[in-house]
C-alpha atoms as a PDB file:
ATOM      1  CA  MET A   1      13.534  -7.328 -50.599  1.00  0.00           C
ATOM      2  CA  LEU A   2      13.099  -3.662 -49.367  1.00  0.00           C
ATOM      3  CA  SER A   3      10.278  -4.267 -46.996  1.00  0.00           C
ATOM      4  CA  ARG A   4      12.053  -7.704 -45.655  1.00  0.00           C
ATOM      5  CA  ARG A   5      14.621  -5.657 -44.865  1.00  0.00           C
ATOM      6  CA  PHE A   6      12.596  -3.022 -43.051  1.00  0.00           C
ATOM      7  CA  THR A   7      10.831  -5.348 -41.431  1.00  0.00           C
ATOM      8  CA  ILE A   8      13.693  -7.028 -39.824  1.00  0.00           C
ATOM      9  CA  VAL A   9      14.929  -3.468 -38.864  1.00  0.00           C
ATOM     10  CA  CYS A  10      11.432  -2.533 -37.323  1.00  0.00           C
ATOM     11  CA  LEU A  11      11.534  -5.868 -35.142  1.00  0.00           C
ATOM     12  CA  LEU A  12      15.164  -5.663 -34.195  1.00  0.00           C
ATOM     13  CA  VAL A  13      14.643  -1.765 -32.974  1.00  0.00           C
ATOM     14  CA  ALA A  14      11.102  -2.761 -31.130  1.00  0.00           C
ATOM     15  CA  SER A  15      12.699  -5.500 -29.182  1.00  0.00           C
ATOM     16  CA  PHE A  16      15.959  -3.566 -28.446  1.00  0.00           C
ATOM     17  CA  GLY A  17      13.437  -0.433 -27.156  1.00  0.00           C
ATOM     18  CA  MET A  18      11.392  -2.823 -25.058  1.00  0.00           C
ATOM     19  CA  ALA A  19      14.337  -4.444 -23.342  1.00  0.00           C
ATOM     20  CA  LEU A  20      15.856  -0.991 -22.465  1.00  0.00           C
ATOM     21  CA  SER A  21      12.444   0.118 -20.993  1.00  0.00           C
ATOM     22  CA  MET A  22      12.193  -3.071 -18.752  1.00  0.00           C
ATOM     23  CA  LEU A  23      15.693  -1.986 -17.605  1.00  0.00           C
ATOM     24  CA  VAL A  24      14.865   1.473 -17.023  1.00  0.00           C
ATOM     25  CA  ALA A  25      11.208   0.616 -15.130  1.00  0.00           C
ATOM     26  CA  GLU A  26      13.354  -1.787 -13.182  1.00  0.00           C
ATOM     27  CA  ASP A  27      16.023   0.536 -11.849  1.00  0.00           C
ATOM     28  CA  SER A  28      13.530   3.249 -11.356  1.00  0.00           C
ATOM     29  CA  ARG A  29      10.970   1.002  -9.125  1.00  0.00           C
ATOM     30  CA  ALA A  30      14.149  -0.070  -7.254  1.00  0.00           C
ATOM     31  CA  ASN A  31      14.836   3.532  -6.145  1.00  0.00           C
ATOM     32  CA  HIS A  32      11.182   4.070  -4.988  1.00  0.00           C
ATOM     33  CA  VAL A  33      11.057   1.024  -2.669  1.00  0.00           C
ATOM     34  CA  PRO A  34      11.601   1.814   0.817  1.00  0.00           C
ATOM     35  CA  PRO A  35      14.483  -0.052   2.311  1.00  0.00           C
ATOM     36  CA  THR A  36      13.030  -0.979   5.160  1.00  0.00           C
ATOM     37  CA  GLY A  37       9.842  -2.017   4.882  1.00  0.00           C
ATOM     38  CA  PHE A  38       6.409  -0.265   5.457  1.00  0.00           C
ATOM     39  CA  LEU A  39       6.558   3.665   6.881  1.00  0.00           C
ATOM     40  CA  SER A  40       4.777   4.190   9.850  1.00  0.00           C
ATOM     41  CA  CYS A  41       2.775   7.538   9.906  1.00  0.00           C
ATOM     42  CA  ASP A  42       0.690   9.359  12.392  1.00  0.00           C
ATOM     43  CA  ALA A  43      -0.266  12.576  12.846  1.00  0.00           C
ATOM     44  CA  SER A  44       2.889  14.137  13.153  1.00  0.00           C
ATOM     45  CA  GLY A  45       4.173  12.777  10.136  1.00  0.00           C
ATOM     46  CA  CYS A  46       5.803   9.355   8.775  1.00  0.00           C
ATOM     47  CA  ALA A  47       8.910   8.055  10.221  1.00  0.00           C
ATOM     48  CA  ILE A  48      11.391   5.415   8.736  1.00  0.00           C
ATOM     49  CA  PRO A  49      11.811   2.321  11.029  1.00  0.00           C
ATOM     50  CA  ALA A  50      15.446   1.898  12.569  1.00  0.00           C
ATOM     51  CA  ARG A  51      17.372  -1.103  11.146  1.00  0.00           C
ATOM     52  CA  HIS A  52      18.392  -3.871  12.654  1.00  0.00           C
END
């Protein structure tokens, strides 16, 4: 009986942790993608293209 409850609690905690990690990863990935596409880089540095 105790092992069954322990297993259920572990599965619930693991599923909650996986869902939370997906949310954090999605939010983190969205912050690192340039909003205007690719950056153009040359010897002087990188320039963000102008929005149209």
